[in-house]
């Protein structure tokens, strides 16, 4: 609607709208978080539903802002049978800070509110950190191999933390999201890894295995999401200011079989699970190659 404005103006206004919207919803979210403190499960469940309602409204207004200042042609497949009444594990490739806005735009009100694992340090991000905490986003503290060698008693603490974080999701549908590559794709990172995939970084299977190990009995489906930007990989600024004109997304709904549930510390299961993730990523790489080829021919 306001696409006629110059790109810098659109970007500044969109950023202002996103900021004001975030600050507006921060107040009721924090008030509800305080009301949720009494350890009475029915009461906490009621407050959690109100919190998720606030989060969905927050994302809906952000999506309206995107519609207001951009003109994006969406090409989406595979979302026809999704529902807000089931539990999902969402796995996606990661290319840009805009990816989260893309996923929220696409899946808001189609599936349960998306929650993703955050580094514990992000708890201290102004406003957003507390909002994520209030909305039960799981915060993780991962230990490097060097630390585990020095302090072996910390072995397994990460999966224990994952289980505790995911325990809150047992009683109402939720979507847990994981960027399997662990970081955004750049040519430099792709070269440093010597990635065997043409359009992807190497996947990190451990995080996915930990979530399935902690929530395997609650999760019902895996959403394999492939995001492609036909023009170029955009920055966050490109996305909010109208510099992105087309986005392609393919979604596959995959079953969670018993073969995917196990102890990632077991060498045999780890090898099998890594093989499954590698095959998933190989398929995604082929999808991206096909999408890119079609876009170039168009």
Protein backbone atom coordinates (compact mmCIF):
# COMPACT_ATOMS: atom_id res chain seq x y z
CA UNK A 1 0.00 0.00 0.00
CA UNK A 2 2.87 2.40 0.84
CA UNK A 3 5.27 0.86 -1.66
CA UNK A 4 5.37 4.13 -3.61
CA UNK A 5 7.53 5.68 -0.88
CA UNK A 6 11.32 5.76 -1.37
CA UNK A 7 13.06 2.67 -0.08
CA UNK A 8 14.93 4.43 2.79
CA UNK A 9 11.65 5.94 4.01
CA UNK A 10 9.90 2.57 3.84
CA UNK A 11 12.71 0.95 5.80
CA UNK A 12 12.73 3.58 8.55
CA UNK A 13 8.94 3.53 8.90
CA UNK A 14 8.81 -0.28 8.92
CA UNK A 15 11.53 -0.45 11.59
CA UNK A 16 9.60 2.12 13.63
CA UNK A 17 6.40 0.08 13.30
CA UNK A 18 8.19 -3.13 14.35
CA UNK A 19 9.74 -1.37 17.35
CA UNK A 20 6.53 0.26 18.56
CA UNK A 21 4.64 -3.00 18.11
CA UNK A 22 7.27 -4.88 20.15
CA UNK A 23 7.21 -2.31 22.95
CA UNK A 24 3.41 -2.32 23.00
CA UNK A 25 3.15 -6.10 23.45
CA UNK A 26 6.06 -6.19 25.90
CA UNK A 27 3.86 -4.67 28.62
CA UNK A 28 1.00 -7.24 28.65
CA UNK A 29 3.46 -10.11 28.10
CA UNK A 30 5.47 -9.15 31.19
CA UNK A 31 2.31 -8.62 33.26
CA UNK A 32 1.08 -12.07 32.29
CA UNK A 33 4.51 -13.55 33.02
CA UNK A 34 4.27 -12.24 36.59
CA UNK A 35 0.74 -13.66 36.94
CA UNK A 36 2.08 -17.03 35.79
CA UNK A 37 4.53 -17.34 38.69
CA UNK A 38 2.17 -19.16 41.15
CA UNK A 39 2.92 -22.90 40.59
CA UNK A 40 -0.68 -23.92 39.87
CA UNK A 41 -0.75 -25.88 36.61
CA UNK A 42 -4.34 -25.08 35.46
CA UNK A 43 -3.72 -21.39 36.15
CA UNK A 44 -0.34 -21.45 34.38
CA UNK A 45 -1.95 -23.22 31.42
CA UNK A 46 -4.58 -20.49 31.18
CA UNK A 47 -1.94 -17.74 31.35
CA UNK A 48 0.19 -19.56 28.76
CA UNK A 49 -2.74 -19.50 26.33
CA UNK A 50 -3.08 -15.75 26.86
CA UNK A 51 0.67 -15.30 26.33
CA UNK A 52 0.56 -17.25 23.08
CA UNK A 53 -2.40 -15.11 22.01
CA UNK A 54 -0.30 -11.98 22.61
CA UNK A 55 2.58 -13.48 20.63
CA UNK A 56 0.32 -14.36 17.68
CA UNK A 57 -1.13 -10.83 17.69
CA UNK A 58 2.39 -9.37 17.84
CA UNK A 59 3.46 -11.40 14.78
CA UNK A 60 0.20 -10.62 12.96
CA UNK A 61 0.84 -6.87 13.26
CA UNK A 62 4.45 -7.38 12.13
CA UNK A 63 3.10 -9.26 9.11
CA UNK A 64 0.73 -6.39 8.38
CA UNK A 65 3.71 -4.03 8.48
CA UNK A 66 5.49 -6.24 5.94
CA UNK A 67 2.45 -6.16 3.68
CA UNK A 68 2.19 -2.38 4.07
CA UNK A 69 5.75 -1.55 2.99
CA UNK A 70 6.73 -4.37 0.66
CA UNK A 71 5.52 -6.07 -2.50
CA UNK A 72 6.60 -9.69 -2.21
CA UNK A 73 5.44 -12.45 -4.53
CA UNK A 74 5.16 -15.56 -2.36
CA UNK A 75 5.49 -18.98 -3.95
CA UNK A 76 4.67 -21.49 -1.23
CA UNK A 77 3.86 -25.20 -1.35
CA UNK A 78 3.16 -27.87 1.25
CA UNK A 79 1.23 -25.86 3.88
CA UNK A 80 -2.28 -26.99 2.98
CA UNK A 81 -2.77 -29.55 5.75
CA UNK A 82 -1.02 -27.83 8.62
CA UNK A 83 -2.95 -27.24 11.83
CA UNK A 84 -2.55 -25.38 15.12
CA UNK A 85 -3.64 -28.48 17.03
CA UNK A 86 -0.48 -30.57 16.58
CA UNK A 87 3.15 -30.49 17.72
CA UNK A 88 5.87 -29.80 15.12
CA UNK A 89 9.65 -29.71 14.87
CA UNK A 90 10.54 -27.18 12.17
CA UNK A 91 13.90 -27.57 10.41
CA UNK A 92 14.97 -24.87 7.96
CA UNK A 93 18.01 -23.64 6.06
CA UNK A 94 19.43 -20.33 7.24
CA UNK A 95 20.65 -17.58 4.90
CA UNK A 96 19.56 -14.25 6.35
CA UNK A 97 18.28 -12.47 9.46
CA UNK A 98 15.10 -12.13 7.39
CA UNK A 99 14.53 -15.89 7.59
CA UNK A 100 12.78 -15.62 10.97
CA UNK A 101 10.42 -12.94 9.65
CA UNK A 102 9.73 -15.11 6.61
CA UNK A 103 8.88 -18.12 8.77
CA UNK A 104 6.68 -16.05 11.08
CA UNK A 105 4.91 -14.50 8.10
CA UNK A 106 4.29 -17.87 6.49
CA UNK A 107 3.31 -19.97 9.51
CA UNK A 108 1.57 -17.52 11.85
CA UNK A 109 -1.95 -18.86 12.61
CA UNK A 110 -1.20 -21.97 10.50
CA UNK A 111 0.70 -23.88 13.19
CA UNK A 112 1.33 -23.33 16.91
CA UNK A 113 3.46 -20.30 17.73
CA UNK A 114 7.08 -20.94 16.73
CA UNK A 115 9.61 -21.13 19.56
CA UNK A 116 13.30 -21.57 18.91
CA UNK A 117 16.32 -22.34 21.05
CA UNK A 118 18.35 -19.30 22.06
CA UNK A 119 21.81 -18.87 23.46
CA UNK A 120 21.62 -18.03 27.15
CA UNK A 121 23.41 -14.74 26.51
CA UNK A 122 20.41 -13.51 24.46
CA UNK A 123 18.38 -13.33 27.67
CA UNK A 124 20.03 -9.93 28.20
CA UNK A 125 18.87 -8.39 24.90
CA UNK A 126 16.79 -5.34 25.88
CA UNK A 127 13.03 -6.05 25.93
CA UNK A 128 13.25 -9.05 23.58
CA UNK A 129 15.25 -11.17 26.03
CA UNK A 130 12.63 -10.83 28.76
CA UNK A 131 9.81 -11.28 26.24
CA UNK A 132 11.39 -14.53 24.99
CA UNK A 133 11.74 -15.70 28.60
CA UNK A 134 8.10 -14.86 29.37
CA UNK A 135 6.97 -16.75 26.26
CA UNK A 136 8.92 -19.86 27.36
CA UNK A 137 11.52 -19.75 24.62
CA UNK A 138 14.15 -22.31 25.67
CA UNK A 139 17.54 -20.83 26.56
CA UNK A 140 20.51 -23.12 26.09
CA UNK A 141 24.03 -23.20 27.50
CA UNK A 142 26.12 -25.47 25.30
CA UNK A 143 29.53 -26.75 26.38
CA UNK A 144 32.44 -27.04 23.97
CA UNK A 145 34.56 -30.18 23.71
CA UNK A 146 37.41 -28.33 25.40
CA UNK A 147 35.27 -27.50 28.44
CA UNK A 148 33.90 -31.04 28.63
CA UNK A 149 37.44 -32.43 28.64
CA UNK A 150 38.34 -30.18 31.56
CA UNK A 151 35.03 -30.69 33.37
CA UNK A 152 33.69 -34.14 32.44
CA UNK A 153 30.92 -33.85 35.05
CA UNK A 154 29.18 -31.45 32.64
CA UNK A 155 28.76 -34.28 30.11
CA UNK A 156 25.06 -34.61 29.30
CA UNK A 157 24.09 -31.32 30.94
CA UNK A 158 23.03 -29.88 27.58
CA UNK A 159 20.49 -32.64 26.91
CA UNK A 160 19.29 -32.35 30.52
CA UNK A 161 18.75 -28.62 29.98
CA UNK A 162 16.93 -29.36 26.73
CA UNK A 163 14.59 -31.79 28.49
CA UNK A 164 13.79 -29.27 31.21
CA UNK A 165 13.14 -26.54 28.65
CA UNK A 166 10.91 -28.78 26.54
CA UNK A 167 8.95 -30.08 29.54
CA UNK A 168 6.90 -26.87 29.38
CA UNK A 169 5.65 -27.83 25.91
CA UNK A 170 4.00 -31.12 26.85
CA UNK A 171 0.55 -29.81 27.63
CA UNK A 172 -0.29 -27.63 24.63
CA UNK A 173 0.70 -27.76 20.95
CA UNK A 174 3.93 -25.98 20.06
CA UNK A 175 6.32 -25.61 17.14
CA UNK A 176 10.00 -25.93 18.04
CA UNK A 177 12.26 -24.47 15.35
CA UNK A 178 15.90 -25.29 14.63
CA UNK A 179 18.26 -23.75 12.06
CA UNK A 180 20.22 -26.95 11.55
CA UNK A 181 23.30 -25.24 10.10
CA UNK A 182 23.71 -23.26 13.31
CA UNK A 183 24.64 -20.05 11.50
CA UNK A 184 23.77 -18.06 8.39
CA UNK A 185 25.13 -19.14 5.02
CA UNK A 186 27.87 -16.92 3.59
CA UNK A 187 30.40 -17.68 0.83
CA UNK A 188 33.21 -17.40 3.39
CA UNK A 189 31.65 -19.91 5.79
CA UNK A 190 30.81 -22.24 2.91
CA UNK A 191 34.44 -22.19 1.79
CA UNK A 192 35.84 -22.58 5.31
CA UNK A 193 33.72 -25.66 5.90
CA UNK A 194 34.46 -27.12 2.47
CA UNK A 195 30.75 -27.92 2.54
CA UNK A 196 29.77 -30.84 0.30
CA UNK A 197 26.48 -29.06 -0.43
CA UNK A 198 26.24 -26.47 -3.19
CA UNK A 199 23.73 -24.16 -1.48
CA UNK A 200 23.99 -25.11 2.21
CA UNK A 201 26.38 -25.25 5.10
CA UNK A 202 26.99 -28.56 6.84
CA UNK A 203 24.13 -29.54 9.17
CA UNK A 204 24.63 -29.99 12.91
CA UNK A 205 22.71 -33.10 13.88
CA UNK A 206 23.21 -32.87 17.64
CA UNK A 207 20.69 -30.09 18.31
CA UNK A 208 17.97 -31.88 16.33
CA UNK A 209 18.70 -35.17 18.09
CA UNK A 210 18.55 -33.49 21.52
CA UNK A 211 15.11 -31.99 20.80
CA UNK A 212 13.78 -35.30 19.51
CA UNK A 213 15.28 -37.07 22.50
CA UNK A 214 13.60 -34.62 24.88
CA UNK A 215 10.26 -34.25 23.08
CA UNK A 216 10.00 -37.25 20.79
CA UNK A 217 6.86 -38.54 22.47
CA UNK A 218 5.11 -35.16 22.16
CA UNK A 219 6.20 -34.08 18.69
CA UNK A 220 4.03 -35.42 15.88
CA UNK A 221 5.64 -34.18 12.67
CA UNK A 222 8.82 -32.70 11.25
CA UNK A 223 8.39 -29.68 8.99
CA UNK A 224 11.25 -29.67 6.50
CA UNK A 225 11.27 -26.07 5.24
CA UNK A 226 13.38 -24.85 2.33
CA UNK A 227 13.65 -21.07 1.81
CA UNK A 228 14.91 -19.64 -1.48
CA UNK A 229 15.39 -16.00 -2.46
CA UNK A 230 15.39 -15.92 -6.29
CA UNK A 231 17.01 -12.48 -6.63
CA UNK A 232 19.74 -12.67 -3.97
CA UNK A 233 20.09 -13.43 -0.29
CA UNK A 234 18.64 -10.31 1.35
CA UNK A 235 19.67 -8.45 4.45
CA UNK A 236 17.18 -7.66 7.19
CA UNK A 237 17.07 -4.10 5.83
CA UNK A 238 16.32 -5.35 2.31
CA UNK A 239 13.36 -7.32 3.65
CA UNK A 240 11.72 -4.58 5.72
CA UNK A 241 12.32 -1.79 3.19
CA UNK A 242 10.84 -3.56 0.18
CA UNK A 243 14.05 -4.71 -1.48
CA UNK A 244 12.78 -8.31 -1.70
CA UNK A 245 10.31 -8.98 -4.52
CA UNK A 246 10.01 -12.78 -4.49
CA UNK A 247 10.35 -15.56 -1.93
CA UNK A 248 9.94 -19.27 -2.59
CA UNK A 249 9.26 -21.73 0.23
CA UNK A 250 8.74 -25.47 0.06
CA UNK A 251 7.43 -27.40 3.04
CA UNK A 252 7.51 -31.16 3.54
CA UNK A 253 5.69 -32.83 6.43
CA UNK A 254 7.77 -35.82 7.57
CA UNK A 255 6.93 -38.51 10.14
CA UNK A 256 8.89 -38.92 13.36
CA UNK A 257 9.77 -42.61 13.39
CA UNK A 258 11.25 -44.67 16.20
CA UNK A 259 14.54 -44.74 14.32
CA UNK A 260 14.91 -41.01 15.03
CA UNK A 261 14.48 -41.40 18.79
CA UNK A 262 17.48 -42.51 20.77
CA UNK A 263 20.49 -41.58 22.86
CA UNK A 264 22.79 -39.33 20.84
CA UNK A 265 25.65 -40.32 23.14
CA UNK A 266 25.41 -43.85 21.71
CA UNK A 267 27.90 -44.08 18.78
CA UNK A 268 25.68 -46.35 16.67
CA UNK A 269 22.62 -44.14 17.02
CA UNK A 270 24.71 -41.01 16.45
CA UNK A 271 26.07 -42.38 13.17
CA UNK A 272 22.57 -43.42 12.02
CA UNK A 273 21.05 -40.08 12.96
CA UNK A 274 23.80 -38.09 11.26
CA UNK A 275 23.22 -40.15 8.13
CA UNK A 276 19.51 -39.26 8.24
CA UNK A 277 20.26 -35.54 8.66
CA UNK A 278 22.80 -35.64 5.82
CA UNK A 279 20.22 -37.26 3.54
CA UNK A 280 17.69 -34.59 4.52
CA UNK A 281 20.22 -31.90 3.68
CA UNK A 282 21.13 -33.54 0.38
CA UNK A 283 17.46 -33.44 -0.62
CA UNK A 284 17.23 -29.78 0.45
CA UNK A 285 20.32 -28.92 -1.59
CA UNK A 286 18.75 -30.53 -4.66
CA UNK A 287 15.55 -28.57 -4.05
CA UNK A 288 17.48 -25.30 -3.88
CA UNK A 289 19.37 -26.12 -7.07
CA UNK A 290 16.08 -26.81 -8.84
CA UNK A 291 14.45 -23.63 -7.51
CA UNK A 292 17.45 -21.55 -8.53
CA UNK A 293 17.49 -23.08 -12.01
CA UNK A 294 13.80 -22.37 -12.55
CA UNK A 295 14.20 -18.78 -11.35
CA UNK A 296 17.09 -18.21 -13.76
CA UNK A 297 15.03 -19.58 -16.68
CA UNK A 298 11.98 -17.45 -15.82
